[in-house]
Amino acid sequence: MSYYPQTIADKMEKGLTKEIEMYAAISKALREDGNSKSQVSYYMSVDEDFIPDVLQAYAAPATFTCNCYQCHTGNKHVGDGESGFDYWQDTKRHC
């Protein structure tokens, strides 16, 4: 099952820092996802948890699975590698 605030956060332009820009990006992502104006209004004004949930999902750091030590030297190791992969906090490069 999909978590809708995460879906919207994933559709937002990356790198926004100003609150007003983030609100506009949420509204734009909702419209691009096929919501009507009244549905967008509901998410933006009535559902008290929606915007905080989207902003939390938007701000969450991306973690991805990789065992390529060369790409991730110096990045924070966040996994145990028991599954055969190491988990690194990815801040710069992707394999």
PDB file of N, CA and C in Angstrom:
ATOM      1  N   MET A   1       0.843  -1.176   0.000  1.00  0.00           N
ATOM      2  CA  MET A   1       0.000   0.000   0.000  1.00  0.00           C
ATOM      3  C   MET A   1       0.890   1.242   0.000  1.00  0.00           C
ATOM      4  N   SER A   2       0.533   2.196  -0.782  1.00  0.00           N
ATOM      5  CA  SER A   2       1.290   3.430  -0.929  1.00  0.00           C
ATOM      6  C   SER A   2       0.903   4.443   0.148  1.00  0.00           C
ATOM      7  N   TYR A   3       1.860   5.226   0.564  1.00  0.00           N
ATOM      8  CA  TYR A   3       1.650   6.287   1.545  1.00  0.00           C
ATOM      9  C   TYR A   3       1.571   7.598   0.765  1.00  0.00           C
ATOM     10  N   TYR A   4       0.368   8.197   0.680  1.00  0.00           N
ATOM     11  CA  TYR A   4       0.137   9.328  -0.222  1.00  0.00           C
ATOM     12  C   TYR A   4       1.024  10.544   0.058  1.00  0.00           C
ATOM     13  N   PRO A   5       1.255  10.940   1.317  1.00  0.00           N
ATOM     14  CA  PRO A   5       2.170  12.068   1.523  1.00  0.00           C
ATOM     15  C   PRO A   5       3.573  11.820   0.933  1.00  0.00           C
ATOM     16  N   GLN A   6       4.048  10.577   1.009  1.00  0.00           N
ATOM     17  CA  GLN A   6       5.351  10.248   0.418  1.00  0.00           C
ATOM     18  C   GLN A   6       5.290  10.357  -1.098  1.00  0.00           C
ATOM     19  N   THR A   7       4.183   9.905  -1.684  1.00  0.00           N
ATOM     20  CA  THR A   7       3.998  10.002  -3.129  1.00  0.00           C
ATOM     21  C   THR A   7       4.086  11.454  -3.583  1.00  0.00           C
ATOM     22  N   ILE A   8       3.417  12.337  -2.863  1.00  0.00           N
ATOM     23  CA  ILE A   8       3.435  13.759  -3.207  1.00  0.00           C
ATOM     24  C   ILE A   8       4.823  14.354  -2.969  1.00  0.00           C
ATOM     25  N   ALA A   9       5.454  13.998  -1.860  1.00  0.00           N
ATOM     26  CA  ALA A   9       6.811  14.500  -1.577  1.00  0.00           C
ATOM     27  C   ALA A   9       7.783  14.094  -2.680  1.00  0.00           C
ATOM     28  N   ASP A  10       7.633  12.876  -3.195  1.00  0.00           N
ATOM     29  CA  ASP A  10       8.512  12.400  -4.268  1.00  0.00           C
ATOM     30  C   ASP A  10       8.315  13.169  -5.566  1.00  0.00           C
ATOM     31  N   LYS A  11       7.132  13.743  -5.766  1.00  0.00           N
ATOM     32  CA  LYS A  11       6.834  14.487  -6.995  1.00  0.00           C
ATOM     33  C   LYS A  11       7.239  15.957  -6.900  1.00  0.00           C
ATOM     34  N   MET A  12       7.590  16.406  -5.699  1.00  0.00           N
ATOM     35  CA  MET A  12       7.957  17.815  -5.520  1.00  0.00           C
ATOM     36  C   MET A  12       9.354  18.092  -6.059  1.00  0.00           C
ATOM     37  N   GLU A  13       9.551  19.318  -6.515  1.00  0.00           N
ATOM     38  CA  GLU A  13      10.870  19.770  -6.935  1.00  0.00           C
ATOM     39  C   GLU A  13      11.828  19.615  -5.758  1.00  0.00           C
ATOM     40  N   LYS A  14      13.015  19.125  -6.009  1.00  0.00           N
ATOM     41  CA  LYS A  14      13.998  18.900  -4.948  1.00  0.00           C
ATOM     42  C   LYS A  14      14.764  20.182  -4.626  1.00  0.00           C
ATOM     43  N   GLY A  15      15.215  20.300  -3.391  1.00  0.00           N
ATOM     44  CA  GLY A  15      16.069  21.405  -2.981  1.00  0.00           C
ATOM     45  C   GLY A  15      15.351  22.650  -2.494  1.00  0.00           C
ATOM     46  N   LEU A  16      14.053  22.575  -2.297  1.00  0.00           N
ATOM     47  CA  LEU A  16      13.326  23.749  -1.808  1.00  0.00           C
ATOM     48  C   LEU A  16      13.635  23.973  -0.337  1.00  0.00           C
ATOM     49  N   THR A  17      13.790  25.232   0.051  1.00  0.00           N
ATOM     50  CA  THR A  17      14.111  25.546   1.446  1.00  0.00           C
ATOM     51  C   THR A  17      13.109  26.509   2.079  1.00  0.00           C
ATOM     52  N   LYS A  18      12.421  27.280   1.261  1.00  0.00           N
ATOM     53  CA  LYS A  18      11.460  28.256   1.796  1.00  0.00           C
ATOM     54  C   LYS A  18      10.089  27.600   1.933  1.00  0.00           C
ATOM     55  N   GLU A  19       9.441  27.890   3.050  1.00  0.00           N
ATOM     56  CA  GLU A  19       8.144  27.284   3.344  1.00  0.00           C
ATOM     57  C   GLU A  19       7.120  27.576   2.253  1.00  0.00           C
ATOM     58  N   ILE A  20       7.067  28.787   1.766  1.00  0.00           N
ATOM     59  CA  ILE A  20       6.084  29.158   0.741  1.00  0.00           C
ATOM     60  C   ILE A  20       6.320  28.368  -0.546  1.00  0.00           C
ATOM     61  N   GLU A  21       7.596  28.127  -0.891  1.00  0.00           N
ATOM     62  CA  GLU A  21       7.919  27.334  -2.066  1.00  0.00           C
ATOM     63  C   GLU A  21       7.453  25.892  -1.894  1.00  0.00           C
ATOM     64  N   MET A  22       7.627  25.369  -0.684  1.00  0.00           N
ATOM     65  CA  MET A  22       7.217  23.992  -0.409  1.00  0.00           C
ATOM     66  C   MET A  22       5.696  23.843  -0.499  1.00  0.00           C
ATOM     67  N   TYR A  23       4.968  24.823   0.055  1.00  0.00           N
ATOM     68  CA  TYR A  23       3.502  24.783  -0.025  1.00  0.00           C
ATOM     69  C   TYR A  23       3.044  24.821  -1.479  1.00  0.00           C
ATOM     70  N   ALA A  24       3.661  25.684  -2.277  1.00  0.00           N
ATOM     71  CA  ALA A  24       3.303  25.776  -3.698  1.00  0.00           C
ATOM     72  C   ALA A  24       3.627  24.468  -4.425  1.00  0.00           C
ATOM     73  N   ALA A  25       4.748  23.852  -4.065  1.00  0.00           N
ATOM     74  CA  ALA A  25       5.142  22.594  -4.697  1.00  0.00           C
ATOM     75  C   ALA A  25       4.199  21.461  -4.316  1.00  0.00           C
ATOM     76  N   ILE A  26       3.704  21.462  -3.083  1.00  0.00           N
ATOM     77  CA  ILE A  26       2.726  20.455  -2.660  1.00  0.00           C
ATOM     78  C   ILE A  26       1.455  20.611  -3.485  1.00  0.00           C
ATOM     79  N   SER A  27       0.972  21.835  -3.589  1.00  0.00           N
ATOM     80  CA  SER A  27      -0.242  22.104  -4.370  1.00  0.00           C
ATOM     81  C   SER A  27      -0.061  21.689  -5.829  1.00  0.00           C
ATOM     82  N   LYS A  28       1.078  22.031  -6.403  1.00  0.00           N
ATOM     83  CA  LYS A  28       1.368  21.679  -7.798  1.00  0.00           C
ATOM     84  C   LYS A  28       1.420  20.160  -7.971  1.00  0.00           C
ATOM     85  N   ALA A  29       2.080  19.467  -7.048  1.00  0.00           N
ATOM     86  CA  ALA A  29       2.184  18.004  -7.133  1.00  0.00           C
ATOM     87  C   ALA A  29       0.811  17.348  -7.009  1.00  0.00           C
ATOM     88  N   LEU A  30      -0.034  17.898  -6.157  1.00  0.00           N
ATOM     89  CA  LEU A  30      -1.394  17.370  -6.021  1.00  0.00           C
ATOM     90  C   LEU A  30      -2.169  17.509  -7.325  1.00  0.00           C
ATOM     91  N   ARG A  31      -2.056  18.671  -7.960  1.00  0.00           N
ATOM     92  CA  ARG A  31      -2.759  18.908  -9.235  1.00  0.00           C
ATOM     93  C   ARG A  31      -2.208  17.984 -10.322  1.00  0.00           C
ATOM     94  N   GLU A  32      -0.884  17.846 -10.362  1.00  0.00           N
ATOM     95  CA  GLU A  32      -0.262  16.982 -11.367  1.00  0.00           C
ATOM     96  C   GLU A  32      -0.615  15.513 -11.131  1.00  0.00           C
ATOM     97  N   ASP A  33      -0.979  15.175  -9.902  1.00  0.00           N
ATOM     98  CA  ASP A  33      -1.364  13.805  -9.577  1.00  0.00           C
ATOM     99  C   ASP A  33      -2.831  13.540  -9.919  1.00  0.00           C
ATOM    100  N   GLY A  34      -3.515  14.546 -10.479  1.00  0.00           N
ATOM    101  CA  GLY A  34      -4.875  14.350 -10.952  1.00  0.00           C
ATOM    102  C   GLY A  34      -5.966  14.786 -10.000  1.00  0.00           C
ATOM    103  N   ASN A  35      -5.613  15.451  -8.912  1.00  0.00           N
ATOM    104  CA  ASN A  35      -6.628  15.929  -7.974  1.00  0.00           C
ATOM    105  C   ASN A  35      -7.331  17.162  -8.515  1.00  0.00           C
ATOM    106  N   SER A  36      -8.630  17.270  -8.235  1.00  0.00           N
ATOM    107  CA  SER A  36      -9.398  18.446  -8.623  1.00  0.00           C
ATOM    108  C   SER A  36      -9.036  19.613  -7.698  1.00  0.00           C
ATOM    109  N   LYS A  37      -9.497  20.803  -8.054  1.00  0.00           N
ATOM    110  CA  LYS A  37      -9.238  21.975  -7.208  1.00  0.00           C
ATOM    111  C   LYS A  37      -9.826  21.789  -5.818  1.00  0.00           C
ATOM    112  N   SER A  38     -10.998  21.178  -5.722  1.00  0.00           N
ATOM    113  CA  SER A  38     -11.604  20.969  -4.397  1.00  0.00           C
ATOM    114  C   SER A  38     -10.834  19.917  -3.596  1.00  0.00           C
ATOM    115  N   GLN A  39     -10.293  18.908  -4.264  1.00  0.00           N
ATOM    116  CA  GLN A  39      -9.475  17.921  -3.559  1.00  0.00           C
ATOM    117  C   GLN A  39      -8.180  18.546  -3.063  1.00  0.00           C
ATOM    118  N   VAL A  40      -7.559  19.369  -3.901  1.00  0.00           N
ATOM    119  CA  VAL A  40      -6.336  20.070  -3.494  1.00  0.00           C
ATOM    120  C   VAL A  40      -6.643  20.959  -2.294  1.00  0.00           C
ATOM    121  N   SER A  41      -7.753  21.662  -2.352  1.00  0.00           N
ATOM    122  CA  SER A  41      -8.159  22.530  -1.247  1.00  0.00           C
ATOM    123  C   SER A  41      -8.338  21.727   0.038  1.00  0.00           C
ATOM    124  N   TYR A  42      -8.938  20.550  -0.079  1.00  0.00           N
ATOM    125  CA  TYR A  42      -9.115  19.689   1.097  1.00  0.00           C
ATOM    126  C   TYR A  42      -7.753  19.315   1.705  1.00  0.00           C
ATOM    127  N   TYR A  43      -6.842  18.839   0.869  1.00  0.00           N
ATOM    128  CA  TYR A  43      -5.525  18.433   1.375  1.00  0.00           C
ATOM    129  C   TYR A  43      -4.760  19.615   1.976  1.00  0.00           C
ATOM    130  N   MET A  44      -4.892  20.781   1.353  1.00  0.00           N
ATOM    131  CA  MET A  44      -4.115  21.943   1.788  1.00  0.00           C
ATOM    132  C   MET A  44      -4.739  22.665   2.983  1.00  0.00           C
ATOM    133  N   SER A  45      -6.047  22.536   3.191  1.00  0.00           N
ATOM    134  CA  SER A  45      -6.712  23.339   4.217  1.00  0.00           C
ATOM    135  C   SER A  45      -7.445  22.549   5.297  1.00  0.00           C
ATOM    136  N   VAL A  46      -7.945  21.370   4.979  1.00  0.00           N
ATOM    137  CA  VAL A  46      -8.795  20.641   5.919  1.00  0.00           C
ATOM    138  C   VAL A  46      -8.051  19.512   6.621  1.00  0.00           C
ATOM    139  N   ASP A  47      -7.350  18.693   5.862  1.00  0.00           N
ATOM    140  CA  ASP A  47      -6.620  17.557   6.432  1.00  0.00           C
ATOM    141  C   ASP A  47      -5.407  18.078   7.209  1.00  0.00           C
ATOM    142  N   GLU A  48      -5.527  18.115   8.522  1.00  0.00           N
ATOM    143  CA  GLU A  48      -4.503  18.728   9.380  1.00  0.00           C
ATOM    144  C   GLU A  48      -3.154  18.018   9.336  1.00  0.00           C
ATOM    145  N   ASP A  49      -3.150  16.741   9.030  1.00  0.00           N
ATOM    146  CA  ASP A  49      -1.908  15.973   9.048  1.00  0.00           C
ATOM    147  C   ASP A  49      -1.192  15.929   7.705  1.00  0.00           C
ATOM    148  N   PHE A  50      -1.893  16.269   6.630  1.00  0.00           N
ATOM    149  CA  PHE A  50      -1.329  16.050   5.305  1.00  0.00           C
ATOM    150  C   PHE A  50      -0.054  16.868   5.059  1.00  0.00           C
ATOM    151  N   ILE A  51      -0.102  18.167   5.230  1.00  0.00           N
ATOM    152  CA  ILE A  51       1.069  19.012   4.939  1.00  0.00           C
ATOM    153  C   ILE A  51       2.249  18.646   5.840  1.00  0.00           C
ATOM    154  N   PRO A  52       2.064  18.504   7.170  1.00  0.00           N
ATOM    155  CA  PRO A  52       3.206  18.084   7.988  1.00  0.00           C
ATOM    156  C   PRO A  52       3.776  16.724   7.560  1.00  0.00           C
ATOM    157  N   ASP A  53       2.905  15.796   7.167  1.00  0.00           N
ATOM    158  CA  ASP A  53       3.379  14.488   6.712  1.00  0.00           C
ATOM    159  C   ASP A  53       4.171  14.587   5.407  1.00  0.00           C
ATOM    160  N   VAL A  54       3.691  15.413   4.478  1.00  0.00           N
ATOM    161  CA  VAL A  54       4.418  15.611   3.221  1.00  0.00           C
ATOM    162  C   VAL A  54       5.773  16.260   3.498  1.00  0.00           C
ATOM    163  N   LEU A  55       5.785  17.293   4.333  1.00  0.00           N
ATOM    164  CA  LEU A  55       7.050  17.977   4.628  1.00  0.00           C
ATOM    165  C   LEU A  55       8.037  17.059   5.335  1.00  0.00           C
ATOM    166  N   GLN A  56       7.541  16.204   6.201  1.00  0.00           N
ATOM    167  CA  GLN A  56       8.420  15.238   6.870  1.00  0.00           C
ATOM    168  C   GLN A  56       8.990  14.251   5.849  1.00  0.00           C
ATOM    169  N   ALA A  57       8.152  13.767   4.949  1.00  0.00           N
ATOM    170  CA  ALA A  57       8.622  12.844   3.912  1.00  0.00           C
ATOM    171  C   ALA A  57       9.600  13.546   2.969  1.00  0.00           C
ATOM    172  N   TYR A  58       9.338  14.813   2.676  1.00  0.00           N
ATOM    173  CA  TYR A  58      10.211  15.593   1.779  1.00  0.00           C
ATOM    174  C   TYR A  58      11.592  15.792   2.389  1.00  0.00           C
ATOM    175  N   ALA A  59      11.626  15.999   3.708  1.00  0.00           N
ATOM    176  CA  ALA A  59      12.889  16.285   4.392  1.00  0.00           C
ATOM    177  C   ALA A  59      13.674  15.039   4.750  1.00  0.00           C
ATOM    178  N   ALA A  60      13.037  13.864   4.683  1.00  0.00           N
ATOM    179  CA  ALA A  60      13.713  12.625   5.067  1.00  0.00           C
ATOM    180  C   ALA A  60      14.868  12.351   4.117  1.00  0.00           C
ATOM    181  N   PRO A  61      16.046  12.036   4.663  1.00  0.00           N
ATOM    182  CA  PRO A  61      17.188  11.742   3.803  1.00  0.00           C
ATOM    183  C   PRO A  61      16.982  10.435   3.044  1.00  0.00           C
ATOM    184  N   ALA A  62      17.462  10.414   1.835  1.00  0.00           N
ATOM    185  CA  ALA A  62      17.369   9.205   1.026  1.00  0.00           C
ATOM    186  C   ALA A  62      18.470   8.234   1.427  1.00  0.00           C
ATOM    187  N   THR A  63      18.114   6.993   1.591  1.00  0.00           N
ATOM    188  CA  THR A  63      19.076   5.939   1.869  1.00  0.00           C
ATOM    189  C   THR A  63      18.931   4.911   0.765  1.00  0.00           C
ATOM    190  N   PHE A  64      20.039   4.478   0.205  1.00  0.00           N
ATOM    191  CA  PHE A  64      19.917   3.451  -0.798  1.00  0.00           C
ATOM    192  C   PHE A  64      20.946   2.365  -0.559  1.00  0.00           C
ATOM    193  N   THR A  65      20.682   1.208  -1.129  1.00  0.00           N
ATOM    194  CA  THR A  65      21.488   0.025  -0.898  1.00  0.00           C
ATOM    195  C   THR A  65      22.593  -0.072  -1.933  1.00  0.00           C
ATOM    196  N   CYS A  66      23.804  -0.297  -1.442  1.00  0.00           N
ATOM    197  CA  CYS A  66      24.939  -0.433  -2.348  1.00  0.00           C
ATOM    198  C   CYS A  66      26.089  -1.078  -1.592  1.00  0.00           C
ATOM    199  N   ASN A  67      26.862  -1.898  -2.257  1.00  0.00           N
ATOM    200  CA  ASN A  67      28.057  -2.437  -1.618  1.00  0.00           C
ATOM    201  C   ASN A  67      29.315  -1.933  -2.319  1.00  0.00           C
ATOM    202  N   CYS A  68      29.188  -0.847  -3.017  1.00  0.00           N
ATOM    203  CA  CYS A  68      30.308  -0.254  -3.740  1.00  0.00           C
ATOM    204  C   CYS A  68      31.072   0.681  -2.804  1.00  0.00           C
ATOM    205  N   TYR A  69      32.059   0.172  -2.152  1.00  0.00           N
ATOM    206  CA  TYR A  69      32.809   0.940  -1.159  1.00  0.00           C
ATOM    207  C   TYR A  69      33.455   2.185  -1.764  1.00  0.00           C
ATOM    208  N   GLN A  70      33.928   2.073  -2.988  1.00  0.00           N
ATOM    209  CA  GLN A  70      34.623   3.206  -3.610  1.00  0.00           C
ATOM    210  C   GLN A  70      33.739   4.435  -3.758  1.00  0.00           C
ATOM    211  N   CYS A  71      32.470   4.217  -4.071  1.00  0.00           N
ATOM    212  CA  CYS A  71      31.565   5.357  -4.229  1.00  0.00           C
ATOM    213  C   CYS A  71      31.193   5.980  -2.895  1.00  0.00           C
ATOM    214  N   HIS A  72      31.288   5.217  -1.834  1.00  0.00           N
ATOM    215  CA  HIS A  72      30.746   5.668  -0.570  1.00  0.00           C
ATOM    216  C   HIS A  72      31.786   5.827   0.523  1.00  0.00           C
ATOM    217  N   THR A  73      33.028   5.861   0.164  1.00  0.00           N
ATOM    218  CA  THR A  73      34.083   6.058   1.139  1.00  0.00           C
ATOM    219  C   THR A  73      33.859   7.393   1.843  1.00  0.00           C
ATOM    220  N   GLY A  74      33.813   7.351   3.149  1.00  0.00           N
ATOM    221  CA  GLY A  74      33.619   8.562   3.920  1.00  0.00           C
ATOM    222  C   GLY A  74      32.175   8.847   4.245  1.00  0.00           C
ATOM    223  N   ASN A  75      31.227   8.202   3.568  1.00  0.00           N
ATOM    224  CA  ASN A  75      29.829   8.395   3.903  1.00  0.00           C
ATOM    225  C   ASN A  75      29.466   7.533   5.094  1.00  0.00           C
ATOM    226  N   LYS A  76      28.443   7.897   5.789  1.00  0.00           N
ATOM    227  CA  LYS A  76      28.031   7.221   7.006  1.00  0.00           C
ATOM    228  C   LYS A  76      27.470   5.834   6.710  1.00  0.00           C
ATOM    229  N   HIS A  77      28.028   4.820   7.348  1.00  0.00           N
ATOM    230  CA  HIS A  77      27.546   3.449   7.196  1.00  0.00           C
ATOM    231  C   HIS A  77      26.361   3.261   8.126  1.00  0.00           C
ATOM    232  N   VAL A  78      25.216   2.836   7.584  1.00  0.00           N
ATOM    233  CA  VAL A  78      24.011   2.704   8.392  1.00  0.00           C
ATOM    234  C   VAL A  78      23.427   1.298   8.348  1.00  0.00           C
ATOM    235  N   GLY A  79      24.157   0.321   7.801  1.00  0.00           N
ATOM    236  CA  GLY A  79      23.642  -1.044   7.732  1.00  0.00           C
ATOM    237  C   GLY A  79      24.677  -2.042   8.188  1.00  0.00           C
ATOM    238  N   ASP A  80      24.235  -3.277   8.377  1.00  0.00           N
ATOM    239  CA  ASP A  80      25.153  -4.277   8.892  1.00  0.00           C
ATOM    240  C   ASP A  80      25.701  -5.189   7.814  1.00  0.00           C
ATOM    241  N   GLY A  81      25.149  -5.150   6.628  1.00  0.00           N
ATOM    242  CA  GLY A  81      25.656  -5.944   5.531  1.00  0.00           C
ATOM    243  C   GLY A  81      25.321  -7.417   5.605  1.00  0.00           C
ATOM    244  N   GLU A  82      24.488  -7.833   6.553  1.00  0.00           N
ATOM    245  CA  GLU A  82      24.167  -9.248   6.695  1.00  0.00           C
ATOM    246  C   GLU A  82      23.453  -9.807   5.473  1.00  0.00           C
ATOM    247  N   SER A  83      22.731  -8.975   4.771  1.00  0.00           N
ATOM    248  CA  SER A  83      22.015  -9.436   3.589  1.00  0.00           C
ATOM    249  C   SER A  83      22.928  -9.478   2.370  1.00  0.00           C
ATOM    250  N   GLY A  84      24.195  -9.171   2.541  1.00  0.00           N
ATOM    251  CA  GLY A  84      25.124  -9.132   1.422  1.00  0.00           C
ATOM    252  C   GLY A  84      25.334  -7.740   0.871  1.00  0.00           C
ATOM    253  N   PHE A  85      24.594  -6.774   1.397  1.00  0.00           N
ATOM    254  CA  PHE A  85      24.737  -5.388   0.970  1.00  0.00           C
ATOM    255  C   PHE A  85      24.990  -4.512   2.185  1.00  0.00           C
ATOM    256  N   ASP A  86      25.757  -3.501   1.986  1.00  0.00           N
ATOM    257  CA  ASP A  86      25.939  -2.490   3.022  1.00  0.00           C
ATOM    258  C   ASP A  86      25.003  -1.345   2.728  1.00  0.00           C
ATOM    259  N   TYR A  87      24.553  -0.687   3.762  1.00  0.00           N
ATOM    260  CA  TYR A  87      23.653   0.440   3.611  1.00  0.00           C
ATOM    261  C   TYR A  87      24.422   1.695   3.970  1.00  0.00           C
ATOM    262  N   TRP A  88      24.423   2.643   3.048  1.00  0.00           N
ATOM    263  CA  TRP A  88      25.181   3.872   3.232  1.00  0.00           C
ATOM    264  C   TRP A  88      24.246   5.052   3.133  1.00  0.00           C
ATOM    265  N   GLN A  89      24.491   6.056   3.963  1.00  0.00           N
ATOM    266  CA  GLN A  89      23.768   7.314   3.825  1.00  0.00           C
ATOM    267  C   GLN A  89      24.372   8.002   2.615  1.00  0.00           C
ATOM    268  N   ASP A  90      23.617   8.067   1.541  1.00  0.00           N
ATOM    269  CA  ASP A  90      24.123   8.582   0.285  1.00  0.00           C
ATOM    270  C   ASP A  90      23.973  10.086   0.222  1.00  0.00           C
ATOM    271  N   THR A  91      25.089  10.788   0.104  1.00  0.00           N
ATOM    272  CA  THR A  91      25.020  12.232   0.044  1.00  0.00           C
ATOM    273  C   THR A  91      25.542  12.799  -1.271  1.00  0.00           C
ATOM    274  N   LYS A  92      26.276  12.016  -2.038  1.00  0.00           N
ATOM    275  CA  LYS A  92      26.885  12.605  -3.216  1.00  0.00           C
ATOM    276  C   LYS A  92      26.742  11.780  -4.479  1.00  0.00           C
ATOM    277  N   ARG A  93      27.142  10.532  -4.455  1.00  0.00           N
ATOM    278  CA  ARG A  93      27.282   9.776  -5.689  1.00  0.00           C
ATOM    279  C   ARG A  93      26.398   8.543  -5.700  1.00  0.00           C
ATOM    280  N   HIS A  94      25.988   8.161  -6.883  1.00  0.00           N
ATOM    281  CA  HIS A  94      25.191   6.953  -7.069  1.00  0.00           C
ATOM    282  C   HIS A  94      25.931   6.008  -7.991  1.00  0.00           C
ATOM    283  N   CYS A  95      25.801   4.736  -7.763  1.00  0.00           N
ATOM    284  CA  CYS A  95      26.424   3.725  -8.631  1.00  0.00           C
ATOM    285  C   CYS A  95      25.593   3.521  -9.872  1.00  0.00           C
TER     286      CYS A  95
END
